[in-house]
N, C-alpha and C. Protein backbone atom coordinates (compact mmCIF):
# COMPACT_ATOMS: atom_id res chain seq x y z
N MET A 1 -9.55 1.45 14.72
CA MET A 1 -8.52 2.45 14.92
C MET A 1 -7.55 2.41 13.73
N LEU A 2 -7.16 3.58 13.29
CA LEU A 2 -6.23 3.71 12.17
C LEU A 2 -4.80 3.78 12.68
N ASN A 3 -3.96 2.89 12.21
CA ASN A 3 -2.54 2.91 12.53
C ASN A 3 -1.84 3.71 11.44
N ARG A 4 -0.97 4.63 11.82
CA ARG A 4 -0.35 5.52 10.84
C ARG A 4 1.17 5.44 10.92
N PHE A 5 1.79 5.41 9.72
CA PHE A 5 3.25 5.42 9.62
C PHE A 5 3.66 6.49 8.63
N ASP A 6 4.66 7.29 8.99
CA ASP A 6 5.30 8.22 8.06
C ASP A 6 6.66 7.64 7.71
N VAL A 7 6.92 7.45 6.43
CA VAL A 7 8.15 6.81 5.98
C VAL A 7 9.09 7.87 5.42
N HIS A 8 10.31 7.91 5.96
CA HIS A 8 11.34 8.83 5.50
C HIS A 8 12.53 8.03 4.97
N ASN A 9 13.23 8.59 3.99
CA ASN A 9 14.43 7.96 3.42
C ASN A 9 14.13 6.54 2.98
N SER A 10 14.84 5.55 3.52
CA SER A 10 14.65 4.15 3.16
C SER A 10 14.29 3.37 4.42
N GLU A 11 13.12 2.74 4.43
CA GLU A 11 12.67 2.04 5.63
C GLU A 11 12.07 0.69 5.27
N THR A 12 12.03 -0.18 6.30
CA THR A 12 11.35 -1.46 6.20
C THR A 12 10.29 -1.52 7.29
N LEU A 13 9.08 -1.89 6.91
CA LEU A 13 8.00 -2.09 7.88
C LEU A 13 7.60 -3.56 7.85
N ASN A 14 7.62 -4.20 9.02
CA ASN A 14 7.17 -5.58 9.16
C ASN A 14 5.90 -5.56 10.00
N ILE A 15 4.80 -6.04 9.43
CA ILE A 15 3.51 -5.99 10.11
C ILE A 15 2.90 -7.38 10.10
N GLN A 16 2.37 -7.79 11.26
CA GLN A 16 1.64 -9.05 11.34
C GLN A 16 0.24 -8.76 11.86
N ILE A 17 -0.76 -9.27 11.14
CA ILE A 17 -2.15 -9.14 11.56
C ILE A 17 -2.52 -10.46 12.23
N ASP A 18 -2.85 -10.40 13.52
CA ASP A 18 -3.13 -11.61 14.29
C ASP A 18 -4.45 -12.27 13.87
N ARG A 19 -4.61 -13.53 14.27
CA ARG A 19 -5.83 -14.28 13.98
C ARG A 19 -7.05 -13.52 14.48
N HIS A 20 -8.09 -13.50 13.65
CA HIS A 20 -9.39 -12.90 13.97
C HIS A 20 -9.29 -11.40 14.28
N ASP A 21 -8.21 -10.76 13.90
CA ASP A 21 -8.03 -9.33 14.18
C ASP A 21 -8.41 -8.50 12.96
N GLN A 22 -8.77 -7.24 13.20
CA GLN A 22 -9.07 -6.29 12.12
C GLN A 22 -8.21 -5.06 12.32
N LYS A 23 -7.47 -4.67 11.28
CA LYS A 23 -6.56 -3.52 11.37
C LYS A 23 -6.66 -2.68 10.11
N SER A 24 -6.43 -1.36 10.28
CA SER A 24 -6.36 -0.42 9.17
C SER A 24 -5.08 0.39 9.30
N TYR A 25 -4.41 0.61 8.17
CA TYR A 25 -3.13 1.33 8.17
C TYR A 25 -3.11 2.42 7.11
N LEU A 26 -2.59 3.57 7.49
CA LEU A 26 -2.28 4.64 6.55
C LEU A 26 -0.76 4.79 6.56
N ILE A 27 -0.15 4.59 5.40
CA ILE A 27 1.30 4.69 5.27
C ILE A 27 1.60 5.82 4.29
N GLU A 28 2.25 6.87 4.79
CA GLU A 28 2.56 8.02 3.95
C GLU A 28 4.05 8.03 3.62
N LEU A 29 4.35 8.01 2.32
CA LEU A 29 5.73 8.12 1.87
C LEU A 29 6.05 9.61 1.83
N SER A 30 6.90 10.06 2.73
CA SER A 30 7.22 11.48 2.87
C SER A 30 7.98 12.01 1.66
N LYS A 31 8.14 13.32 1.60
CA LYS A 31 8.82 13.97 0.48
C LYS A 31 10.22 13.41 0.25
N ASP A 32 10.90 13.03 1.34
CA ASP A 32 12.28 12.54 1.24
C ASP A 32 12.39 11.02 1.14
N CYS A 33 11.28 10.33 0.99
CA CYS A 33 11.29 8.87 0.93
C CYS A 33 11.90 8.39 -0.39
N THR A 34 12.81 7.42 -0.29
CA THR A 34 13.41 6.83 -1.48
C THR A 34 13.04 5.36 -1.65
N LYS A 35 12.67 4.69 -0.52
CA LYS A 35 12.36 3.27 -0.61
C LYS A 35 11.56 2.82 0.61
N LEU A 36 10.53 1.99 0.35
CA LEU A 36 9.81 1.32 1.42
C LEU A 36 9.72 -0.15 1.08
N ASP A 37 10.17 -0.99 2.01
CA ASP A 37 9.95 -2.43 1.94
C ASP A 37 8.85 -2.73 2.95
N LEU A 38 7.67 -3.10 2.47
CA LEU A 38 6.53 -3.41 3.32
C LEU A 38 6.32 -4.92 3.30
N ARG A 39 6.47 -5.53 4.46
CA ARG A 39 6.29 -6.98 4.59
C ARG A 39 5.14 -7.23 5.56
N VAL A 40 4.10 -7.92 5.06
CA VAL A 40 2.90 -8.12 5.86
C VAL A 40 2.54 -9.60 5.86
N GLU A 41 2.20 -10.11 7.05
CA GLU A 41 1.67 -11.46 7.18
C GLU A 41 0.30 -11.35 7.84
N CYS A 42 -0.72 -11.85 7.14
CA CYS A 42 -2.09 -11.83 7.65
C CYS A 42 -2.44 -13.26 8.09
N LEU A 43 -2.64 -13.43 9.38
CA LEU A 43 -2.93 -14.76 9.91
C LEU A 43 -4.40 -15.13 9.70
N GLU A 44 -4.78 -16.33 10.10
CA GLU A 44 -6.10 -16.89 9.83
C GLU A 44 -7.24 -15.96 10.26
N ASN A 45 -8.23 -15.85 9.38
CA ASN A 45 -9.46 -15.10 9.64
C ASN A 45 -9.24 -13.64 10.00
N SER A 46 -8.16 -13.06 9.55
CA SER A 46 -7.91 -11.64 9.82
C SER A 46 -8.44 -10.79 8.67
N PHE A 47 -8.65 -9.51 8.96
CA PHE A 47 -9.09 -8.56 7.94
C PHE A 47 -8.25 -7.31 8.09
N SER A 48 -7.66 -6.85 6.99
CA SER A 48 -6.81 -5.66 7.06
C SER A 48 -7.00 -4.78 5.84
N LYS A 49 -6.79 -3.47 6.07
CA LYS A 49 -6.84 -2.48 5.00
C LYS A 49 -5.56 -1.66 5.08
N PHE A 50 -4.93 -1.45 3.92
CA PHE A 50 -3.73 -0.61 3.83
C PHE A 50 -3.98 0.47 2.80
N PHE A 51 -3.59 1.69 3.13
CA PHE A 51 -3.66 2.79 2.17
C PHE A 51 -2.30 3.45 2.15
N ILE A 52 -1.66 3.45 0.99
CA ILE A 52 -0.33 4.04 0.84
C ILE A 52 -0.47 5.31 0.01
N LEU A 53 0.04 6.40 0.55
CA LEU A 53 -0.03 7.70 -0.11
C LEU A 53 1.38 8.17 -0.41
N ASN A 54 1.69 8.37 -1.69
CA ASN A 54 3.05 8.73 -2.11
C ASN A 54 3.19 10.25 -2.26
N HIS A 55 3.98 10.85 -1.35
CA HIS A 55 4.31 12.28 -1.42
C HIS A 55 5.75 12.50 -1.89
N ALA A 56 6.47 11.42 -2.21
CA ALA A 56 7.91 11.52 -2.53
C ALA A 56 8.15 12.49 -3.68
N GLU A 57 9.20 13.30 -3.52
CA GLU A 57 9.53 14.29 -4.55
C GLU A 57 10.66 13.82 -5.47
N ASN A 58 11.30 12.71 -5.12
CA ASN A 58 12.32 12.10 -5.97
C ASN A 58 11.92 10.66 -6.24
N ALA A 59 12.65 10.00 -7.12
CA ALA A 59 12.34 8.61 -7.44
C ALA A 59 12.22 7.78 -6.17
N CYS A 60 11.18 6.96 -6.11
CA CYS A 60 10.91 6.16 -4.92
C CYS A 60 10.60 4.72 -5.34
N GLU A 61 11.03 3.78 -4.51
CA GLU A 61 10.78 2.36 -4.77
C GLU A 61 9.88 1.81 -3.67
N LEU A 62 8.80 1.16 -4.09
CA LEU A 62 7.83 0.56 -3.17
C LEU A 62 7.83 -0.94 -3.40
N ASN A 63 8.28 -1.71 -2.40
CA ASN A 63 8.31 -3.17 -2.47
C ASN A 63 7.32 -3.72 -1.46
N ILE A 64 6.29 -4.40 -1.97
CA ILE A 64 5.25 -4.95 -1.11
C ILE A 64 5.32 -6.47 -1.18
N ASN A 65 5.41 -7.12 -0.02
CA ASN A 65 5.45 -8.57 0.08
C ASN A 65 4.36 -8.97 1.07
N MET A 66 3.32 -9.65 0.58
CA MET A 66 2.17 -10.02 1.40
C MET A 66 2.06 -11.54 1.47
N VAL A 67 1.77 -12.06 2.67
CA VAL A 67 1.48 -13.47 2.86
C VAL A 67 0.14 -13.55 3.59
N LEU A 68 -0.81 -14.27 3.00
CA LEU A 68 -2.14 -14.40 3.60
C LEU A 68 -2.42 -15.86 3.91
N LYS A 69 -2.84 -16.10 5.14
CA LYS A 69 -3.19 -17.45 5.60
C LYS A 69 -4.68 -17.71 5.35
N GLN A 70 -5.18 -18.82 5.86
CA GLN A 70 -6.55 -19.27 5.61
C GLN A 70 -7.59 -18.22 5.99
N ASP A 71 -8.48 -17.92 5.05
CA ASP A 71 -9.60 -16.99 5.23
C ASP A 71 -9.18 -15.58 5.64
N ALA A 72 -7.93 -15.22 5.40
CA ALA A 72 -7.49 -13.84 5.64
C ALA A 72 -7.93 -12.99 4.46
N ASN A 73 -8.27 -11.74 4.75
CA ASN A 73 -8.73 -10.81 3.72
C ASN A 73 -7.94 -9.52 3.85
N CYS A 74 -7.37 -9.05 2.75
CA CYS A 74 -6.58 -7.82 2.77
C CYS A 74 -6.96 -6.95 1.58
N GLN A 75 -7.13 -5.66 1.86
CA GLN A 75 -7.38 -4.67 0.81
C GLN A 75 -6.23 -3.67 0.83
N MET A 76 -5.70 -3.38 -0.35
CA MET A 76 -4.56 -2.47 -0.48
C MET A 76 -4.94 -1.35 -1.44
N GLY A 77 -4.74 -0.12 -1.00
CA GLY A 77 -4.97 1.04 -1.86
C GLY A 77 -3.69 1.85 -1.97
N VAL A 78 -3.36 2.28 -3.19
CA VAL A 78 -2.16 3.09 -3.41
C VAL A 78 -2.55 4.33 -4.20
N LEU A 79 -2.23 5.50 -3.64
CA LEU A 79 -2.46 6.77 -4.33
C LEU A 79 -1.11 7.38 -4.64
N ASP A 80 -0.82 7.52 -5.93
CA ASP A 80 0.44 8.11 -6.38
C ASP A 80 0.15 9.50 -6.90
N LEU A 81 0.72 10.52 -6.26
CA LEU A 81 0.46 11.90 -6.64
C LEU A 81 1.30 12.35 -7.84
N GLU A 82 2.07 11.42 -8.43
CA GLU A 82 2.82 11.68 -9.66
C GLU A 82 3.80 12.84 -9.54
N LYS A 83 4.35 13.05 -8.36
CA LYS A 83 5.37 14.09 -8.20
C LYS A 83 6.73 13.58 -8.68
N SER A 84 6.89 12.26 -8.67
CA SER A 84 8.16 11.65 -9.05
C SER A 84 7.89 10.22 -9.53
N PRO A 85 8.88 9.59 -10.18
CA PRO A 85 8.70 8.21 -10.62
C PRO A 85 8.55 7.27 -9.41
N LEU A 86 7.60 6.34 -9.51
CA LEU A 86 7.39 5.35 -8.46
C LEU A 86 7.60 3.97 -9.07
N LYS A 87 8.63 3.27 -8.58
CA LYS A 87 8.88 1.89 -9.00
C LYS A 87 8.17 1.01 -7.98
N TRP A 88 7.27 0.19 -8.48
CA TRP A 88 6.40 -0.56 -7.59
C TRP A 88 6.55 -2.05 -7.87
N ASN A 89 7.04 -2.80 -6.88
CA ASN A 89 7.18 -4.25 -6.96
C ASN A 89 6.21 -4.86 -5.96
N HIS A 90 5.45 -5.85 -6.41
CA HIS A 90 4.36 -6.37 -5.60
C HIS A 90 4.37 -7.90 -5.66
N TYR A 91 4.39 -8.55 -4.50
CA TYR A 91 4.32 -10.00 -4.44
C TYR A 91 3.28 -10.38 -3.39
N VAL A 92 2.32 -11.22 -3.77
CA VAL A 92 1.28 -11.68 -2.85
C VAL A 92 1.25 -13.20 -2.88
N ASP A 93 1.31 -13.82 -1.70
CA ASP A 93 1.25 -15.27 -1.57
C ASP A 93 -0.03 -15.64 -0.82
N LEU A 94 -1.03 -16.15 -1.56
CA LEU A 94 -2.27 -16.63 -0.94
C LEU A 94 -2.00 -18.08 -0.54
N GLN A 95 -1.52 -18.29 0.67
CA GLN A 95 -0.98 -19.59 1.06
C GLN A 95 -2.03 -20.65 1.33
N GLU A 96 -3.23 -20.24 1.73
CA GLU A 96 -4.21 -21.24 2.15
C GLU A 96 -5.59 -20.91 1.57
N PRO A 97 -6.50 -21.90 1.54
CA PRO A 97 -7.84 -21.68 0.99
C PRO A 97 -8.56 -20.52 1.69
N GLY A 98 -9.32 -19.78 0.90
CA GLY A 98 -10.12 -18.70 1.46
C GLY A 98 -9.40 -17.37 1.57
N ALA A 99 -8.10 -17.34 1.34
CA ALA A 99 -7.35 -16.09 1.41
C ALA A 99 -7.74 -15.20 0.23
N GLU A 100 -7.97 -13.91 0.51
CA GLU A 100 -8.39 -12.97 -0.53
C GLU A 100 -7.56 -11.70 -0.45
N TYR A 101 -7.25 -11.16 -1.63
CA TYR A 101 -6.47 -9.92 -1.70
C TYR A 101 -7.04 -9.05 -2.80
N GLU A 102 -7.21 -7.77 -2.49
CA GLU A 102 -7.75 -6.82 -3.46
C GLU A 102 -6.85 -5.60 -3.47
N ILE A 103 -6.56 -5.10 -4.67
CA ILE A 103 -5.71 -3.91 -4.77
C ILE A 103 -6.41 -2.86 -5.63
N LEU A 104 -6.31 -1.61 -5.16
CA LEU A 104 -6.85 -0.46 -5.88
C LEU A 104 -5.74 0.56 -5.99
N SER A 105 -5.57 1.15 -7.17
CA SER A 105 -4.53 2.16 -7.32
C SER A 105 -5.05 3.34 -8.13
N VAL A 106 -4.53 4.52 -7.80
CA VAL A 106 -4.92 5.75 -8.48
C VAL A 106 -3.68 6.57 -8.73
N ASN A 107 -3.57 7.16 -9.92
CA ASN A 107 -2.51 8.11 -10.23
C ASN A 107 -3.15 9.46 -10.46
N CYS A 108 -2.65 10.47 -9.81
CA CYS A 108 -3.14 11.84 -10.00
C CYS A 108 -2.08 12.62 -10.75
N VAL A 109 -2.52 13.34 -11.77
CA VAL A 109 -1.60 14.12 -12.59
C VAL A 109 -1.86 15.59 -12.33
N ARG A 110 -0.80 16.33 -12.00
CA ARG A 110 -0.93 17.76 -11.75
C ARG A 110 -0.91 18.53 -13.07
N ASN A 111 -1.48 19.72 -13.04
CA ASN A 111 -1.44 20.66 -14.16
C ASN A 111 -2.10 20.14 -15.43
N ILE A 112 -3.20 19.44 -15.30
CA ILE A 112 -3.92 18.99 -16.49
C ILE A 112 -4.84 20.12 -16.95
N SER A 113 -4.92 20.31 -18.23
CA SER A 113 -5.77 21.35 -18.80
C SER A 113 -7.23 20.89 -18.74
N LYS A 114 -8.09 21.71 -18.18
CA LYS A 114 -9.49 21.34 -18.02
C LYS A 114 -10.19 21.12 -19.35
N LYS A 115 -9.76 21.81 -20.39
CA LYS A 115 -10.47 21.66 -21.66
C LYS A 115 -10.29 20.26 -22.26
N TYR A 116 -9.29 19.51 -21.78
CA TYR A 116 -9.08 18.15 -22.26
C TYR A 116 -9.56 17.10 -21.28
N ALA A 117 -10.01 17.51 -20.13
CA ALA A 117 -10.49 16.55 -19.14
C ALA A 117 -11.94 16.20 -19.44
N ILE A 118 -12.24 14.94 -19.43
CA ILE A 118 -13.61 14.48 -19.66
C ILE A 118 -14.08 13.79 -18.38
N TRP A 119 -15.15 14.27 -17.83
CA TRP A 119 -15.70 13.71 -16.58
C TRP A 119 -17.00 13.00 -16.91
N LYS A 120 -17.12 11.79 -16.49
CA LYS A 120 -18.36 11.03 -16.72
C LYS A 120 -18.81 10.43 -15.42
């Protein structure tokens, strides 16, 4: 099941992934979002996926603080639609053996001229 959060203005999200649990999250930074503090603790043998989609139309700050316990696995994806500057601070603490963290990020640029785009 996908857990969804819409973030407006300035918000803090505190999320804990329980032992042996699997969770997926979609976090959308709304047009009026200025700041998100995301604090996540992944307990032993948990698996989690986070996807953050930035729709903010003004400067936005994204602060991610992750703590992973033994054999916890977390995947983080961030899609920035480049509508505004995104200040991104990221801290990950792999506290115990077997903890794994993977991050994927994409920036999309609007109004690119096709004659200069190279697709392979």
